[in-house]
Protein backbone atom coordinates (compact mmCIF):
# COMPACT_ATOMS: atom_id res chain seq x y z
CA MET A 1 96.36 68.34 51.55
CA ALA A 2 98.67 65.33 51.60
CA THR A 3 101.38 64.85 54.21
CA ASP A 4 104.76 63.27 53.54
CA VAL A 5 105.97 60.63 55.99
CA ILE A 6 109.67 61.41 56.30
CA LEU A 7 112.44 59.29 57.84
CA PRO A 8 113.32 61.28 60.96
CA LYS A 9 116.76 61.65 62.51
CA TRP A 10 116.40 59.76 65.80
CA GLY A 11 120.02 60.17 66.92
CA LEU A 12 122.87 62.62 66.49
CA THR A 13 124.89 60.26 64.30
CA MET A 14 121.99 58.70 62.38
CA GLU A 15 122.45 59.06 58.62
CA ASP A 16 120.11 56.38 57.24
CA GLY A 17 117.64 53.67 58.15
CA THR A 18 116.22 50.44 56.77
CA VAL A 19 112.47 49.86 56.60
CA VAL A 20 112.14 46.48 58.31
CA ALA A 21 108.35 46.16 58.05
CA TRP A 22 105.32 48.19 57.02
CA HIS A 23 102.23 47.77 59.21
CA ILE A 24 100.01 49.52 56.65
CA ASP A 25 99.06 49.16 53.00
CA GLU A 26 98.09 51.73 50.41
CA GLY A 27 94.44 52.62 50.91
CA ASP A 28 94.48 51.98 54.66
CA HIS A 29 93.08 54.56 57.06
CA VAL A 30 95.57 55.64 59.75
CA VAL A 31 95.34 57.72 62.91
CA ALA A 32 97.99 60.23 64.00
CA GLY A 33 100.44 58.51 66.35
CA GLU A 34 99.64 55.01 65.08
CA MET A 35 102.71 52.84 64.41
CA ILE A 36 102.95 52.40 60.65
CA ALA A 37 106.43 50.92 60.19
CA GLU A 38 109.52 49.57 61.90
CA VAL A 39 112.81 51.16 60.89
CA GLU A 40 116.24 49.81 61.83
CA THR A 41 119.15 52.15 62.33
CA GLU A 42 122.74 51.25 63.11
CA LYS A 43 121.94 50.97 66.81
CA VAL A 44 118.25 50.17 67.35
CA GLU A 45 114.91 49.36 65.78
CA ASN A 46 112.46 52.28 65.95
CA GLU A 47 108.71 52.54 65.54
CA LEU A 48 107.66 55.07 62.91
CA GLU A 49 104.35 56.75 63.73
CA ALA A 50 101.85 58.35 61.38
CA PRO A 51 102.34 62.14 61.53
CA CYS A 52 98.64 62.73 60.84
CA SER A 53 95.33 60.95 60.34
CA GLY A 54 94.18 60.09 56.83
CA VAL A 55 94.44 57.53 54.05
CA VAL A 56 97.73 56.01 52.89
CA ALA A 57 98.05 57.21 49.30
CA GLN A 58 101.51 55.84 48.47
CA ILE A 59 104.27 53.77 50.02
CA LEU A 60 107.46 54.91 48.33
CA VAL A 61 110.10 52.76 50.05
CA ASP A 62 110.07 48.96 50.01
CA GLU A 63 110.73 46.72 53.00
CA ASP A 64 114.46 45.99 53.43
CA GLU A 65 115.33 49.20 51.56
CA THR A 66 117.86 51.55 53.19
CA VAL A 67 117.36 55.28 52.69
CA ASP A 68 118.85 58.53 53.98
CA VAL A 69 117.38 60.63 56.80
CA GLY A 70 114.82 63.02 55.33
CA THR A 71 113.67 60.63 52.60
CA VAL A 72 109.91 60.55 51.96
CA LEU A 73 108.80 57.04 52.89
CA ALA A 74 105.07 57.35 52.24
CA VAL A 75 102.29 59.87 51.59
CA ILE A 76 99.14 60.21 53.68
CA ALA A 77 96.17 61.96 52.07
CA ASP A 78 93.31 63.67 53.90
CA ASN A 79 90.67 61.45 52.32
CA GLU A 80 90.08 58.59 49.88
CA ALA A 81 89.48 60.84 46.85
CA GLU A 82 92.78 62.65 47.38
CA ALA A 83 94.58 59.31 47.95
CA GLU A 84 93.22 57.96 44.67
CA ALA A 85 94.30 61.11 42.83
CA ILE A 86 97.83 60.86 44.24
CA ALA A 87 98.11 57.13 43.54
CA GLY A 88 96.95 57.67 39.96
CA ALA A 89 99.38 60.52 39.29
């Protein structure tokens, strides 16, 4: 089952964030806790970690794009077959 990578709310007043850099590509294998992106908020730059281990099926937000808290940034699949199915959908 795929897992959504969601922009978390790191501070009480945080409403949005900008993806500064992705450290992964679609098709990459990731490990839970691995830094996958840098996200800038109004006050600081944060490291976004993979919420689970698996294969990056989709990256849904481009670098330099600003999105609201709770936005799905990427999707991590359990395995390569599931990632290919999601990417092809």
